Amino acid sequence: MTGEFSEAQTREGAAPVRTGRTGGITGAPAGPFDVCEATRAPAREGFSEFSEPLKSARIIAVDIGAHGAAALLDGAGALLDVVDLPTLDAGPACRPEISPALFAGIVRRWAPARAWVEHIGPRLGDRPAGAFAFGGSKATVETTLAVLGIPFRSITPAVWKRAAGIPAGKGMKDLARSRAIERWPDRADLFARKLDHDRAEAALIGWAGLQREGMGR
């Protein structure tokens, strides 16, 4: 992925942030972890198999959206924690928006080595307001991770759902909860409510990301 380091982030003590051609923050390079799309990420030397640091390091996985969630897993796939994304009502319509400060607090507390973020693009039939809200959520999450120096990769719903055994299409929210409970039965209480499907999806995104790391993709 092409890009340049932003001038503001090259000062002493600041984490380097990679910017795209238009100057928007797209990720933060750190160590051997590539910042790129999971669906087309090239394999890198030393990345095709788990190394000991990757096995022991924590990862954060994010289900994008104003009603999304974030999950913390260790390198072996154990689920350590999962929370709803913190939101505040904002704007003239008082719509819920992810709070950068509160999300940053979660990331600092969890201290992950890297992150997997759900990649959702425009979808046929989306209303402009809804598409804008998703874009804003994605920008908030990725910018916060970049500023904190957490390298991240994106993974599409089709990829992580296939890895989790969830068919494409709508109406699969409860199936995500079922899959998460099956995979982490000792943490089933984290997915007890019907509205916990976003938590389940965040956890499964992290698990699918770990599988892709193991395949060097």
C-alpha atoms as a PDB file:
ATOM      1  CA  MET A   1       0.000   0.000   0.000  1.00  0.00           C
ATOM      2  CA  THR A   2       1.423   3.331  -0.969  1.00  0.00           C
ATOM      3  CA  GLY A   3       1.499   6.235   1.381  1.00  0.00           C
ATOM      4  CA  GLU A   4       3.597   8.780   3.186  1.00  0.00           C
ATOM      5  CA  PHE A   5       4.164   9.542   6.816  1.00  0.00           C
ATOM      6  CA  SER A   6       2.252  12.615   7.902  1.00  0.00           C
ATOM      7  CA  GLU A   7       4.439  15.529   8.922  1.00  0.00           C
ATOM      8  CA  ALA A   8       2.636  15.865  12.239  1.00  0.00           C
ATOM      9  CA  GLN A   9       3.501  12.299  13.179  1.00  0.00           C
ATOM     10  CA  THR A  10       7.225  12.390  12.412  1.00  0.00           C
ATOM     11  CA  ARG A  11       8.081  14.567  15.394  1.00  0.00           C
ATOM     12  CA  GLU A  12      10.150  12.937  18.103  1.00  0.00           C
ATOM     13  CA  GLY A  13       8.063  10.652  20.275  1.00  0.00           C
ATOM     14  CA  ALA A  14       5.096  10.460  17.919  1.00  0.00           C
ATOM     15  CA  ALA A  15       3.980   7.221  16.317  1.00  0.00           C
ATOM     16  CA  PRO A  16       4.388   7.269  12.524  1.00  0.00           C
ATOM     17  CA  VAL A  17       1.064   7.364  10.714  1.00  0.00           C
ATOM     18  CA  ARG A  18       0.677   6.317   7.111  1.00  0.00           C
ATOM     19  CA  THR A  19      -1.467   8.596   4.997  1.00  0.00           C
ATOM     20  CA  GLY A  20      -3.040   7.956   1.628  1.00  0.00           C
ATOM     21  CA  ARG A  21      -2.722  10.103  -1.464  1.00  0.00           C
ATOM     22  CA  THR A  22      -5.433  12.421  -0.195  1.00  0.00           C
ATOM     23  CA  GLY A  23      -3.772  12.744   3.206  1.00  0.00           C
ATOM     24  CA  GLY A  24      -6.315  10.696   5.164  1.00  0.00           C
ATOM     25  CA  ILE A  25      -4.964   8.438   7.881  1.00  0.00           C
ATOM     26  CA  THR A  26      -5.182   4.809   6.848  1.00  0.00           C
ATOM     27  CA  GLY A  27      -3.026   3.003   9.386  1.00  0.00           C
ATOM     28  CA  ALA A  28       0.117   3.003  11.459  1.00  0.00           C
ATOM     29  CA  PRO A  29       3.074   0.819  10.440  1.00  0.00           C
ATOM     30  CA  ALA A  30       4.686  -0.906  13.380  1.00  0.00           C
ATOM     31  CA  GLY A  31       6.872  -3.982  13.435  1.00  0.00           C
ATOM     32  CA  PRO A  32       6.149  -6.840  11.024  1.00  0.00           C
ATOM     33  CA  PHE A  33       2.407  -6.229  10.863  1.00  0.00           C
ATOM     34  CA  ASP A  34       1.251  -4.964   7.477  1.00  0.00           C
ATOM     35  CA  VAL A  35      -1.427  -2.290   7.175  1.00  0.00           C
ATOM     36  CA  CYS A  36      -3.504  -3.519   4.268  1.00  0.00           C
ATOM     37  CA  GLU A  37      -6.766  -5.120   3.252  1.00  0.00           C
ATOM     38  CA  ALA A  38      -7.105  -8.677   4.510  1.00  0.00           C
ATOM     39  CA  THR A  39      -8.678  -9.726   1.223  1.00  0.00           C
ATOM     40  CA  ARG A  40      -5.606  -8.732  -0.785  1.00  0.00           C
ATOM     41  CA  ALA A  41      -2.755  -8.564   1.697  1.00  0.00           C
ATOM     42  CA  PRO A  42       0.502  -9.987   0.323  1.00  0.00           C
ATOM     43  CA  ALA A  43       2.259 -12.588   2.412  1.00  0.00           C
ATOM     44  CA  ARG A  44       5.420 -11.278   4.028  1.00  0.00           C
ATOM     45  CA  GLU A  45       8.556 -13.049   5.125  1.00  0.00           C
ATOM     46  CA  GLY A  46       8.168 -14.059   8.751  1.00  0.00           C
ATOM     47  CA  PHE A  47       4.411 -13.541   8.631  1.00  0.00           C
ATOM     48  CA  SER A  48       3.294 -16.814   7.020  1.00  0.00           C
ATOM     49  CA  GLU A  49       3.386 -18.649  10.362  1.00  0.00           C
ATOM     50  CA  PHE A  50       2.736 -17.589  13.935  1.00  0.00           C
ATOM     51  CA  SER A  51       5.848 -16.328  15.653  1.00  0.00           C
ATOM     52  CA  GLU A  52       6.064 -16.437  19.434  1.00  0.00           C
ATOM     53  CA  PRO A  53       5.361 -12.684  19.761  1.00  0.00           C
ATOM     54  CA  LEU A  54       2.220 -13.075  17.640  1.00  0.00           C
ATOM     55  CA  LYS A  55       1.038 -16.013  19.717  1.00  0.00           C
ATOM     56  CA  SER A  56       1.380 -14.154  22.993  1.00  0.00           C
ATOM     57  CA  ALA A  57       0.322 -10.653  21.913  1.00  0.00           C
ATOM     58  CA  ARG A  58      -3.217  -9.423  22.372  1.00  0.00           C
ATOM     59  CA  ILE A  59      -5.349  -8.250  19.465  1.00  0.00           C
ATOM     60  CA  ILE A  60      -8.379  -5.981  19.371  1.00  0.00           C
ATOM     61  CA  ALA A  61     -11.147  -6.633  16.851  1.00  0.00           C
ATOM     62  CA  VAL A  62     -13.811  -4.084  15.971  1.00  0.00           C
ATOM     63  CA  ASP A  63     -17.294  -4.540  14.558  1.00  0.00           C
ATOM     64  CA  ILE A  64     -17.859  -1.167  12.882  1.00  0.00           C
ATOM     65  CA  GLY A  65     -20.960   0.907  13.569  1.00  0.00           C
ATOM     66  CA  ALA A  66     -22.528   3.253  16.087  1.00  0.00           C
ATOM     67  CA  HIS A  67     -23.948   0.133  17.742  1.00  0.00           C
ATOM     68  CA  GLY A  68     -20.807  -1.918  17.159  1.00  0.00           C
ATOM     69  CA  ALA A  69     -18.475  -3.624  19.584  1.00  0.00           C
ATOM     70  CA  ALA A  70     -14.827  -4.346  20.299  1.00  0.00           C
ATOM     71  CA  ALA A  71     -13.316  -7.640  21.436  1.00  0.00           C
ATOM     72  CA  LEU A  72      -9.953  -8.482  22.986  1.00  0.00           C
ATOM     73  CA  LEU A  73      -8.335 -11.840  22.202  1.00  0.00           C
ATOM     74  CA  ASP A  74      -4.934 -13.301  22.896  1.00  0.00           C
ATOM     75  CA  GLY A  75      -2.787 -14.709  20.106  1.00  0.00           C
ATOM     76  CA  ALA A  76      -4.100 -18.224  20.728  1.00  0.00           C
ATOM     77  CA  GLY A  77      -7.714 -17.143  20.204  1.00  0.00           C
ATOM     78  CA  ALA A  78      -8.879 -17.001  23.821  1.00  0.00           C
ATOM     79  CA  LEU A  79     -11.522 -14.324  24.353  1.00  0.00           C
ATOM     80  CA  LEU A  80     -10.392 -11.969  27.107  1.00  0.00           C
ATOM     81  CA  ASP A  81     -13.059  -9.274  26.979  1.00  0.00           C
ATOM     82  CA  VAL A  82     -15.707  -7.696  24.771  1.00  0.00           C
ATOM     83  CA  VAL A  83     -17.498  -4.352  25.099  1.00  0.00           C
ATOM     84  CA  ASP A  84     -19.987  -2.233  23.210  1.00  0.00           C
ATOM     85  CA  LEU A  85     -18.390   0.686  21.388  1.00  0.00           C
ATOM     86  CA  PRO A  86     -18.816   3.821  23.518  1.00  0.00           C
ATOM     87  CA  THR A  87     -21.130   6.373  21.916  1.00  0.00           C
ATOM     88  CA  LEU A  88     -22.469   9.857  22.569  1.00  0.00           C
ATOM     89  CA  ASP A  89     -25.461  11.470  20.893  1.00  0.00           C
ATOM     90  CA  ALA A  90     -24.190  14.241  18.623  1.00  0.00           C
ATOM     91  CA  GLY A  91     -25.235  16.537  15.796  1.00  0.00           C
ATOM     92  CA  PRO A  92     -28.574  18.211  15.058  1.00  0.00           C
ATOM     93  CA  ALA A  93     -30.319  14.832  14.864  1.00  0.00           C
ATOM     94  CA  CYS A  94     -28.691  13.597  18.096  1.00  0.00           C
ATOM     95  CA  ARG A  95     -27.496  10.414  16.401  1.00  0.00           C
ATOM     96  CA  PRO A  96     -25.160   8.127  18.368  1.00  0.00           C
ATOM     97  CA  GLU A  97     -21.527   8.518  17.310  1.00  0.00           C
ATOM     98  CA  ILE A  98     -18.460   6.682  18.567  1.00  0.00           C
ATOM     99  CA  SER A  99     -16.605   8.779  21.137  1.00  0.00           C
ATOM    100  CA  PRO A 100     -12.912   8.943  20.122  1.00  0.00           C
ATOM    101  CA  ALA A 101     -11.830   9.733  23.688  1.00  0.00           C
ATOM    102  CA  LEU A 102     -13.777   6.863  25.239  1.00  0.00           C
ATOM    103  CA  PHE A 103     -12.699   4.400  22.541  1.00  0.00           C
ATOM    104  CA  ALA A 104      -9.080   5.486  23.017  1.00  0.00           C
ATOM    105  CA  GLY A 105      -9.464   4.748  26.728  1.00  0.00           C
ATOM    106  CA  ILE A 106     -10.525   1.180  25.946  1.00  0.00           C
ATOM    107  CA  VAL A 107      -7.585   0.677  23.595  1.00  0.00           C
ATOM    108  CA  ARG A 108      -5.104   2.039  26.139  1.00  0.00           C
ATOM    109  CA  ARG A 109      -6.518  -0.156  28.893  1.00  0.00           C
ATOM    110  CA  TRP A 110      -6.405  -3.298  26.753  1.00  0.00           C
ATOM    111  CA  ALA A 111      -2.962  -2.486  25.294  1.00  0.00           C
ATOM    112  CA  PRO A 112      -3.287  -4.633  22.130  1.00  0.00           C
ATOM    113  CA  ALA A 113      -0.339  -5.259  19.828  1.00  0.00           C
ATOM    114  CA  ARG A 114      -2.444  -5.029  16.676  1.00  0.00           C
ATOM    115  CA  ALA A 115      -6.035  -4.815  15.460  1.00  0.00           C
ATOM    116  CA  TRP A 116      -8.525  -6.210  12.970  1.00  0.00           C
ATOM    117  CA  VAL A 117     -11.242  -3.823  11.809  1.00  0.00           C
ATOM    118  CA  GLU A 118     -14.343  -4.770   9.846  1.00  0.00           C
ATOM    119  CA  HIS A 119     -14.329  -3.185   6.395  1.00  0.00           C
ATOM    120  CA  ILE A 120     -17.771  -2.121   5.217  1.00  0.00           C
ATOM    121  CA  GLY A 121     -18.179  -0.178   1.993  1.00  0.00           C
ATOM    122  CA  PRO A 122     -21.287   1.417   0.473  1.00  0.00           C
ATOM    123  CA  ARG A 123     -24.119  -1.056  -0.015  1.00  0.00           C
ATOM    124  CA  LEU A 124     -26.951  -0.984  -2.519  1.00  0.00           C
ATOM    125  CA  GLY A 125     -30.024   0.541  -0.918  1.00  0.00           C
ATOM    126  CA  ASP A 126     -28.156   2.339   1.865  1.00  0.00           C
ATOM    127  CA  ARG A 127     -29.558   5.725   2.731  1.00  0.00           C
ATOM    128  CA  PRO A 128     -27.046   8.605   2.584  1.00  0.00           C
ATOM    129  CA  ALA A 129     -27.325   9.244   6.327  1.00  0.00           C
ATOM    130  CA  GLY A 130     -26.644   5.595   7.122  1.00  0.00           C
ATOM    131  CA  ALA A 131     -23.691   5.380   4.744  1.00  0.00           C
ATOM    132  CA  PHE A 132     -22.246   8.575   6.196  1.00  0.00           C
ATOM    133  CA  ALA A 133     -22.629   7.219   9.736  1.00  0.00           C
ATOM    134  CA  PHE A 134     -20.775   4.003   8.853  1.00  0.00           C
ATOM    135  CA  GLY A 135     -18.024   6.020   7.219  1.00  0.00           C
ATOM    136  CA  GLY A 136     -17.730   8.209  10.293  1.00  0.00           C
ATOM    137  CA  SER A 137     -17.525   5.184  12.597  1.00  0.00           C
ATOM    138  CA  LYS A 138     -14.813   3.607  10.458  1.00  0.00           C
ATOM    139  CA  ALA A 139     -12.820   6.850  10.383  1.00  0.00           C
ATOM    140  CA  THR A 140     -13.071   7.263  14.158  1.00  0.00           C
ATOM    141  CA  VAL A 141     -11.897   3.725  14.883  1.00  0.00           C
ATOM    142  CA  GLU A 142      -9.044   3.680  12.374  1.00  0.00           C
ATOM    143  CA  THR A 143      -7.810   7.176  13.218  1.00  0.00           C
ATOM    144  CA  THR A 144      -7.820   6.398  16.940  1.00  0.00           C
ATOM    145  CA  LEU A 145      -5.832   3.207  16.381  1.00  0.00           C
ATOM    146  CA  ALA A 146      -3.379   5.055  14.139  1.00  0.00           C
ATOM    147  CA  VAL A 147      -2.812   7.886  16.596  1.00  0.00           C
ATOM    148  CA  LEU A 148      -2.185   5.351  19.378  1.00  0.00           C
ATOM    149  CA  GLY A 149       0.304   3.512  17.176  1.00  0.00           C
ATOM    150  CA  ILE A 150      -1.732   0.296  16.884  1.00  0.00           C
ATOM    151  CA  PRO A 151      -1.222  -1.345  13.462  1.00  0.00           C
ATOM    152  CA  PHE A 152      -4.450  -2.623  11.964  1.00  0.00           C
ATOM    153  CA  ARG A 153      -5.760  -4.632   9.048  1.00  0.00           C
ATOM    154  CA  SER A 154      -9.219  -4.662   7.513  1.00  0.00           C
ATOM    155  CA  ILE A 155     -11.386  -7.715   6.932  1.00  0.00           C
ATOM    156  CA  THR A 156     -14.635  -7.778   4.972  1.00  0.00           C
ATOM    157  CA  PRO A 157     -17.868  -9.295   6.316  1.00  0.00           C
ATOM    158  CA  ALA A 158     -17.787 -11.952   3.586  1.00  0.00           C
ATOM    159  CA  VAL A 159     -14.341 -13.122   4.701  1.00  0.00           C
ATOM    160  CA  TRP A 160     -14.900 -13.278   8.451  1.00  0.00           C
ATOM    161  CA  LYS A 161     -18.390 -14.759   8.124  1.00  0.00           C
ATOM    162  CA  ARG A 162     -17.093 -17.518   5.873  1.00  0.00           C
ATOM    163  CA  ALA A 163     -14.381 -18.310   8.432  1.00  0.00           C
ATOM    164  CA  ALA A 164     -16.983 -18.375  11.219  1.00  0.00           C
ATOM    165  CA  GLY A 165     -19.423 -20.556   9.266  1.00  0.00           C
ATOM    166  CA  ILE A 166     -22.104 -17.889   8.892  1.00  0.00           C
ATOM    167  CA  PRO A 167     -23.962 -17.820   5.541  1.00  0.00           C
ATOM    168  CA  ALA A 168     -24.249 -14.583   3.601  1.00  0.00           C
ATOM    169  CA  GLY A 169     -27.423 -12.554   3.851  1.00  0.00           C
ATOM    170  CA  LYS A 170     -29.539 -10.843   6.451  1.00  0.00           C
ATOM    171  CA  GLY A 171     -31.146 -12.467   9.459  1.00  0.00           C
ATOM    172  CA  MET A 172     -27.948 -14.096  10.742  1.00  0.00           C
ATOM    173  CA  LYS A 173     -27.461 -11.986  13.872  1.00  0.00           C
ATOM    174  CA  ASP A 174     -28.510 -14.727  16.285  1.00  0.00           C
ATOM    175  CA  LEU A 175     -26.354 -17.232  14.428  1.00  0.00           C
ATOM    176  CA  ALA A 176     -23.338 -15.027  15.174  1.00  0.00           C
ATOM    177  CA  ARG A 177     -24.229 -15.212  18.871  1.00  0.00           C
ATOM    178  CA  SER A 178     -24.562 -18.985  18.622  1.00  0.00           C
ATOM    179  CA  ARG A 179     -21.188 -19.332  16.911  1.00  0.00           C
ATOM    180  CA  ALA A 180     -19.512 -17.139  19.527  1.00  0.00           C
ATOM    181  CA  ILE A 181     -21.069 -19.092  22.403  1.00  0.00           C
ATOM    182  CA  GLU A 182     -19.973 -22.378  20.799  1.00  0.00           C
ATOM    183  CA  ARG A 183     -16.407 -21.128  20.402  1.00  0.00           C
ATOM    184  CA  TRP A 184     -16.122 -19.537  23.845  1.00  0.00           C
ATOM    185  CA  PRO A 185     -18.625 -21.397  26.077  1.00  0.00           C
ATOM    186  CA  ASP A 186     -16.919 -20.185  29.247  1.00  0.00           C
ATOM    187  CA  ARG A 187     -17.649 -16.588  28.155  1.00  0.00           C
ATOM    188  CA  ALA A 188     -21.233 -17.230  27.048  1.00  0.00           C
ATOM    189  CA  ASP A 189     -22.486 -14.602  29.493  1.00  0.00           C
ATOM    190  CA  LEU A 190     -20.912 -11.923  27.281  1.00  0.00           C
ATOM    191  CA  PHE A 191     -23.441 -12.803  24.564  1.00  0.00           C
ATOM    192  CA  ALA A 192     -26.482 -13.465  26.750  1.00  0.00           C
ATOM    193  CA  ARG A 193     -28.684 -10.645  25.430  1.00  0.00           C
ATOM    194  CA  LYS A 194     -30.293 -10.693  21.999  1.00  0.00           C
ATOM    195  CA  LEU A 195     -28.691  -7.324  21.243  1.00  0.00           C
ATOM    196  CA  ASP A 196     -25.246  -8.789  21.939  1.00  0.00           C
ATOM    197  CA  HIS A 197     -24.918  -9.901  18.317  1.00  0.00           C
ATOM    198  CA  ASP A 198     -22.473  -7.027  17.702  1.00  0.00           C
ATOM    199  CA  ARG A 199     -20.272  -8.312  20.518  1.00  0.00           C
ATOM    200  CA  ALA A 200     -20.397 -11.768  18.960  1.00  0.00           C
ATOM    201  CA  GLU A 201     -19.444 -10.376  15.568  1.00  0.00           C
ATOM    202  CA  ALA A 202     -16.491  -8.449  17.020  1.00  0.00           C
ATOM    203  CA  ALA A 203     -15.182 -11.602  18.702  1.00  0.00           C
ATOM    204  CA  LEU A 204     -15.588 -13.633  15.504  1.00  0.00           C
ATOM    205  CA  ILE A 205     -13.829 -10.921  13.484  1.00  0.00           C
ATOM    206  CA  GLY A 206     -10.852 -11.291  15.814  1.00  0.00           C
ATOM    207  CA  TRP A 207     -10.878 -15.071  15.527  1.00  0.00           C
ATOM    208  CA  ALA A 208     -11.093 -14.898  11.721  1.00  0.00           C
ATOM    209  CA  GLY A 209      -8.234 -12.392  11.687  1.00  0.00           C
ATOM    210  CA  LEU A 210      -6.061 -14.774  13.672  1.00  0.00           C
ATOM    211  CA  GLN A 211      -6.810 -17.535  11.165  1.00  0.00           C
ATOM    212  CA  ARG A 212      -5.675 -15.282   8.321  1.00  0.00           C
ATOM    213  CA  GLU A 213      -2.481 -14.448  10.178  1.00  0.00           C
ATOM    214  CA  GLY A 214      -1.794 -18.158  10.503  1.00  0.00           C
ATOM    215  CA  MET A 215      -2.197 -18.534   6.728  1.00  0.00           C
ATOM    216  CA  GLY A 216       0.087 -15.566   6.039  1.00  0.00           C
ATOM    217  CA  ARG A 217      -2.723 -13.605   4.369  1.00  0.00           C
END
